[in-house]
């Protein structure tokens, strides 16, 4: 028997939890569970772990690809090019450095946290 049965939430340190939750809510369509100036959470609707964002005073954005990396999120998408276009329109940015020889795309959310988009066919 495992002590840790299921991952329920990934919590991301950030400067503005409500703004970052709003970005990911638009990107994922997940429901906003709670939001105030120090904490915000999104519910994945039973499809997996949710996301939460917590304010950290003096938070410094991650740098990609150099510098220390705290974590990054991976999302599968059915249309890689379309997802990149939509996420850029929502406020994401696309770093120049793109590893993986086109197998996935690295983006950064509006507060500098990198995340990867992986075609659904590659994830199966």
C-alpha atoms as a PDB file:
ATOM      1  CA  UNK A   1       0.000   0.000   0.000  1.00  0.00           C
ATOM      2  CA  UNK A   2       1.329   3.440  -0.943  1.00  0.00           C
ATOM      3  CA  UNK A   3       1.259   6.254   1.553  1.00  0.00           C
ATOM      4  CA  UNK A   4       0.721   8.828  -1.217  1.00  0.00           C
ATOM      5  CA  UNK A   5      -2.294   7.615  -3.148  1.00  0.00           C
ATOM      6  CA  UNK A   6      -2.943  10.415  -5.642  1.00  0.00           C
ATOM      7  CA  UNK A   7      -1.480  13.759  -6.633  1.00  0.00           C
ATOM      8  CA  UNK A   8      -4.286  16.299  -6.280  1.00  0.00           C
ATOM      9  CA  UNK A   9      -2.684  19.688  -6.906  1.00  0.00           C
ATOM     10  CA  UNK A  10       0.523  21.204  -8.242  1.00  0.00           C
ATOM     11  CA  UNK A  11       1.224  24.505  -6.478  1.00  0.00           C
ATOM     12  CA  UNK A  12       3.273  27.133  -8.321  1.00  0.00           C
ATOM     13  CA  UNK A  13       5.065  30.006  -6.572  1.00  0.00           C
ATOM     14  CA  UNK A  14       4.421  33.319  -8.318  1.00  0.00           C
ATOM     15  CA  UNK A  15       4.096  37.090  -7.941  1.00  0.00           C
ATOM     16  CA  UNK A  16       0.370  37.407  -8.770  1.00  0.00           C
ATOM     17  CA  UNK A  17      -1.741  34.282  -8.122  1.00  0.00           C
ATOM     18  CA  UNK A  18      -5.044  35.665  -9.463  1.00  0.00           C
ATOM     19  CA  UNK A  19      -3.494  36.809 -12.747  1.00  0.00           C
ATOM     20  CA  UNK A  20      -1.669  33.526 -13.290  1.00  0.00           C
ATOM     21  CA  UNK A  21      -4.796  31.513 -12.445  1.00  0.00           C
ATOM     22  CA  UNK A  22      -6.748  33.602 -14.971  1.00  0.00           C
ATOM     23  CA  UNK A  23      -4.186  32.781 -17.687  1.00  0.00           C
ATOM     24  CA  UNK A  24      -4.310  29.032 -16.994  1.00  0.00           C
ATOM     25  CA  UNK A  25      -8.105  29.090 -16.617  1.00  0.00           C
ATOM     26  CA  UNK A  26      -8.412  30.533 -20.127  1.00  0.00           C
ATOM     27  CA  UNK A  27      -5.808  28.085 -21.438  1.00  0.00           C
ATOM     28  CA  UNK A  28      -7.313  24.956 -19.873  1.00  0.00           C
ATOM     29  CA  UNK A  29     -11.002  25.766 -19.387  1.00  0.00           C
ATOM     30  CA  UNK A  30     -10.736  24.515 -15.796  1.00  0.00           C
ATOM     31  CA  UNK A  31     -12.946  25.979 -13.079  1.00  0.00           C
ATOM     32  CA  UNK A  32     -11.635  28.588 -10.672  1.00  0.00           C
ATOM     33  CA  UNK A  33     -11.896  27.026  -7.220  1.00  0.00           C
ATOM     34  CA  UNK A  34     -10.724  29.933  -5.090  1.00  0.00           C
ATOM     35  CA  UNK A  35      -8.931  33.222  -5.564  1.00  0.00           C
ATOM     36  CA  UNK A  36      -7.638  36.026  -3.361  1.00  0.00           C
ATOM     37  CA  UNK A  37      -4.520  38.206  -3.452  1.00  0.00           C
ATOM     38  CA  UNK A  38      -2.298  35.453  -2.007  1.00  0.00           C
ATOM     39  CA  UNK A  39      -3.701  32.219  -3.444  1.00  0.00           C
ATOM     40  CA  UNK A  40      -5.743  30.941  -6.381  1.00  0.00           C
ATOM     41  CA  UNK A  41      -6.646  27.428  -7.466  1.00  0.00           C
ATOM     42  CA  UNK A  42      -8.054  25.698 -10.530  1.00  0.00           C
ATOM     43  CA  UNK A  43     -10.010  22.450 -10.478  1.00  0.00           C
ATOM     44  CA  UNK A  44      -9.321  20.060 -13.362  1.00  0.00           C
ATOM     45  CA  UNK A  45     -12.797  18.555 -12.980  1.00  0.00           C
ATOM     46  CA  UNK A  46     -11.659  15.090 -11.969  1.00  0.00           C
ATOM     47  CA  UNK A  47      -9.396  14.653 -15.020  1.00  0.00           C
ATOM     48  CA  UNK A  48      -6.207  14.912 -13.000  1.00  0.00           C
ATOM     49  CA  UNK A  49      -4.323  17.117 -10.601  1.00  0.00           C
ATOM     50  CA  UNK A  50      -5.437  20.727 -10.349  1.00  0.00           C
ATOM     51  CA  UNK A  51      -3.225  23.797 -10.308  1.00  0.00           C
ATOM     52  CA  UNK A  52      -2.802  26.344  -7.558  1.00  0.00           C
ATOM     53  CA  UNK A  53      -0.766  29.514  -7.376  1.00  0.00           C
ATOM     54  CA  UNK A  54       0.664  31.074  -4.233  1.00  0.00           C
ATOM     55  CA  UNK A  55       2.111  34.559  -3.833  1.00  0.00           C
ATOM     56  CA  UNK A  56       5.760  34.651  -2.826  1.00  0.00           C
ATOM     57  CA  UNK A  57       7.062  38.102  -1.963  1.00  0.00           C
ATOM     58  CA  UNK A  58      10.039  39.015  -4.127  1.00  0.00           C
ATOM     59  CA  UNK A  59       9.343  36.119  -6.486  1.00  0.00           C
ATOM     60  CA  UNK A  60      11.805  35.994  -9.371  1.00  0.00           C
ATOM     61  CA  UNK A  61      10.697  34.473 -12.639  1.00  0.00           C
ATOM     62  CA  UNK A  62      12.554  31.413 -13.857  1.00  0.00           C
ATOM     63  CA  UNK A  63      14.978  31.885 -16.687  1.00  0.00           C
ATOM     64  CA  UNK A  64      14.913  29.560 -19.658  1.00  0.00           C
ATOM     65  CA  UNK A  65      17.095  27.805 -20.601  1.00  0.00           C
ATOM     66  CA  UNK A  66      19.825  29.023 -18.261  1.00  0.00           C
ATOM     67  CA  UNK A  67      19.452  29.658 -14.556  1.00  0.00           C
ATOM     68  CA  UNK A  68      17.741  27.584 -11.932  1.00  0.00           C
ATOM     69  CA  UNK A  69      14.533  25.842 -12.881  1.00  0.00           C
ATOM     70  CA  UNK A  70      11.927  25.277 -10.216  1.00  0.00           C
ATOM     71  CA  UNK A  71       9.473  23.138 -12.153  1.00  0.00           C
ATOM     72  CA  UNK A  72       7.626  23.120 -15.416  1.00  0.00           C
ATOM     73  CA  UNK A  73       4.294  21.745 -16.524  1.00  0.00           C
ATOM     74  CA  UNK A  74       3.641  19.522 -19.559  1.00  0.00           C
ATOM     75  CA  UNK A  75       0.291  19.618 -21.373  1.00  0.00           C
ATOM     76  CA  UNK A  76      -0.859  17.420 -24.236  1.00  0.00           C
ATOM     77  CA  UNK A  77      -2.611  19.172 -27.101  1.00  0.00           C
ATOM     78  CA  UNK A  78      -4.426  17.859 -30.154  1.00  0.00           C
ATOM     79  CA  UNK A  79      -3.156  20.643 -32.470  1.00  0.00           C
ATOM     80  CA  UNK A  80       0.341  21.811 -31.560  1.00  0.00           C
ATOM     81  CA  UNK A  81       0.535  24.799 -33.930  1.00  0.00           C
ATOM     82  CA  UNK A  82      -2.993  25.925 -33.057  1.00  0.00           C
ATOM     83  CA  UNK A  83      -2.336  25.631 -29.316  1.00  0.00           C
ATOM     84  CA  UNK A  84       0.862  27.670 -29.605  1.00  0.00           C
ATOM     85  CA  UNK A  85      -0.988  30.405 -31.510  1.00  0.00           C
ATOM     86  CA  UNK A  86      -3.858  30.497 -29.000  1.00  0.00           C
ATOM     87  CA  UNK A  87      -1.570  30.548 -25.959  1.00  0.00           C
ATOM     88  CA  UNK A  88       0.578  33.323 -27.415  1.00  0.00           C
ATOM     89  CA  UNK A  89      -2.624  35.343 -27.904  1.00  0.00           C
ATOM     90  CA  UNK A  90      -3.478  34.742 -24.213  1.00  0.00           C
ATOM     91  CA  UNK A  91      -0.145  36.197 -23.093  1.00  0.00           C
ATOM     92  CA  UNK A  92       2.344  33.322 -23.212  1.00  0.00           C
ATOM     93  CA  UNK A  93       5.723  33.843 -24.842  1.00  0.00           C
ATOM     94  CA  UNK A  94       7.884  31.476 -26.890  1.00  0.00           C
ATOM     95  CA  UNK A  95      11.566  31.391 -25.931  1.00  0.00           C
ATOM     96  CA  UNK A  96      14.104  31.189 -28.740  1.00  0.00           C
ATOM     97  CA  UNK A  97      15.645  28.018 -27.277  1.00  0.00           C
ATOM     98  CA  UNK A  98      13.481  25.042 -28.256  1.00  0.00           C
ATOM     99  CA  UNK A  99      14.903  21.596 -27.414  1.00  0.00           C
ATOM    100  CA  UNK A 100      13.412  18.337 -28.644  1.00  0.00           C
ATOM    101  CA  UNK A 101      13.853  18.856 -32.379  1.00  0.00           C
ATOM    102  CA  UNK A 102      10.204  19.876 -32.848  1.00  0.00           C
ATOM    103  CA  UNK A 103       8.728  17.019 -30.803  1.00  0.00           C
ATOM    104  CA  UNK A 104       7.305  19.556 -28.336  1.00  0.00           C
ATOM    105  CA  UNK A 105       7.174  23.317 -27.859  1.00  0.00           C
ATOM    106  CA  UNK A 106       8.336  25.239 -24.797  1.00  0.00           C
ATOM    107  CA  UNK A 107       6.351  28.348 -23.863  1.00  0.00           C
ATOM    108  CA  UNK A 108       6.496  30.626 -20.828  1.00  0.00           C
ATOM    109  CA  UNK A 109       3.389  31.817 -19.010  1.00  0.00           C
ATOM    110  CA  UNK A 110       2.925  35.565 -18.359  1.00  0.00           C
ATOM    111  CA  UNK A 111       4.979  35.327 -15.142  1.00  0.00           C
ATOM    112  CA  UNK A 112       7.902  33.507 -16.763  1.00  0.00           C
ATOM    113  CA  UNK A 113       7.188  29.893 -15.782  1.00  0.00           C
ATOM    114  CA  UNK A 114       8.086  27.531 -18.647  1.00  0.00           C
ATOM    115  CA  UNK A 115       5.614  24.881 -19.756  1.00  0.00           C
ATOM    116  CA  UNK A 116       5.682  22.383 -22.595  1.00  0.00           C
ATOM    117  CA  UNK A 117       3.080  21.463 -25.190  1.00  0.00           C
ATOM    118  CA  UNK A 118       3.236  17.887 -26.398  1.00  0.00           C
ATOM    119  CA  UNK A 119       1.146  16.575 -29.310  1.00  0.00           C
ATOM    120  CA  UNK A 120      -1.439  14.103 -28.006  1.00  0.00           C
ATOM    121  CA  UNK A 121      -0.231  11.496 -30.491  1.00  0.00           C
ATOM    122  CA  UNK A 122       3.298  11.681 -29.025  1.00  0.00           C
ATOM    123  CA  UNK A 123       2.000  11.299 -25.456  1.00  0.00           C
ATOM    124  CA  UNK A 124       0.051   8.099 -26.105  1.00  0.00           C
END
